[in-house]
């Protein structure tokens, strides 16, 4: 990633929250972690960002976008 793109990505993150797995599970209606990870493999839920050797976080905006896409697919039927 070029320096300008990297700065743009960092600037975008300043206005976004990082969610832990427990919060993501609750966000999507109280799903289990295994269901979230199966959904990630199926491209239904966004992939996490690795923030440490044993820590992953999700961008709130990506979770909101995934939920909005699910709603749009439901309404399109």
Protein backbone atom coordinates (compact mmCIF):
# COMPACT_ATOMS: atom_id res chain seq x y z
CA UNK A 1 0.00 0.00 0.00
CA UNK A 2 1.33 3.44 -0.89
CA UNK A 3 1.84 6.06 1.81
CA UNK A 4 -1.12 8.17 0.61
CA UNK A 5 -3.44 5.15 0.55
CA UNK A 6 -2.23 4.13 3.99
CA UNK A 7 -2.90 7.60 5.41
CA UNK A 8 -6.37 7.54 3.87
CA UNK A 9 -7.10 4.17 5.45
CA UNK A 10 -5.91 5.38 8.86
CA UNK A 11 -8.01 8.54 8.54
CA UNK A 12 -11.09 6.44 7.72
CA UNK A 13 -10.49 4.27 10.79
CA UNK A 14 -10.53 7.29 13.08
CA UNK A 15 -14.28 7.49 12.51
CA UNK A 16 -14.91 3.76 12.93
CA UNK A 17 -15.17 1.49 15.95
CA UNK A 18 -13.35 -1.79 16.39
CA UNK A 19 -15.61 -4.54 17.72
CA UNK A 20 -14.51 -7.69 19.53
CA UNK A 21 -15.99 -11.11 18.80
CA UNK A 22 -18.52 -10.96 21.64
CA UNK A 23 -19.83 -7.63 20.34
CA UNK A 24 -19.98 -8.90 16.75
CA UNK A 25 -21.95 -11.95 17.88
CA UNK A 26 -24.42 -9.66 19.67
CA UNK A 27 -24.55 -7.27 16.71
CA UNK A 28 -25.72 -10.07 14.42
CA UNK A 29 -28.48 -11.15 16.80
CA UNK A 30 -26.69 -13.20 19.42
CA UNK A 31 -25.06 -15.73 17.12
CA UNK A 32 -22.36 -18.10 18.37
CA UNK A 33 -18.73 -17.44 17.45
CA UNK A 34 -18.63 -20.61 15.33
CA UNK A 35 -21.59 -19.33 13.31
CA UNK A 36 -19.81 -16.02 12.73
CA UNK A 37 -16.66 -17.79 11.52
CA UNK A 38 -18.66 -20.07 9.19
CA UNK A 39 -20.35 -16.94 7.85
CA UNK A 40 -16.96 -15.32 7.27
CA UNK A 41 -15.88 -18.36 5.25
CA UNK A 42 -19.12 -18.09 3.25
CA UNK A 43 -18.56 -14.32 2.73
CA UNK A 44 -21.75 -13.53 4.68
CA UNK A 45 -19.93 -11.61 7.43
CA UNK A 46 -16.84 -9.38 7.17
CA UNK A 47 -13.42 -10.79 7.96
CA UNK A 48 -11.73 -9.61 11.14
CA UNK A 49 -8.60 -7.47 11.33
CA UNK A 50 -5.74 -9.12 13.19
CA UNK A 51 -4.63 -6.53 15.78
CA UNK A 52 -2.32 -8.77 17.78
CA UNK A 53 -1.07 -12.34 17.98
CA UNK A 54 -4.24 -13.47 19.79
CA UNK A 55 -6.62 -10.63 19.06
CA UNK A 56 -8.95 -9.86 16.17
CA UNK A 57 -11.41 -7.00 15.73
CA UNK A 58 -14.11 -6.10 13.23
CA UNK A 59 -14.89 -2.68 11.82
CA UNK A 60 -18.35 -1.54 12.86
CA UNK A 61 -18.91 -0.01 9.42
CA UNK A 62 -18.23 -3.37 7.71
CA UNK A 63 -20.63 -5.15 10.06
CA UNK A 64 -23.28 -2.52 9.38
CA UNK A 65 -22.71 -2.88 5.62
CA UNK A 66 -23.05 -6.68 5.85
CA UNK A 67 -26.32 -6.34 7.77
CA UNK A 68 -27.61 -3.77 5.28
CA UNK A 69 -26.79 -6.18 2.43
CA UNK A 70 -28.73 -8.96 4.16
CA UNK A 71 -31.72 -6.66 4.53
CA UNK A 72 -31.49 -5.60 0.88
CA UNK A 73 -31.39 -9.25 -0.26
CA UNK A 74 -34.45 -10.01 1.89
CA UNK A 75 -36.36 -7.07 0.45
CA UNK A 76 -35.39 -8.00 -3.12
CA UNK A 77 -37.22 -11.34 -2.82
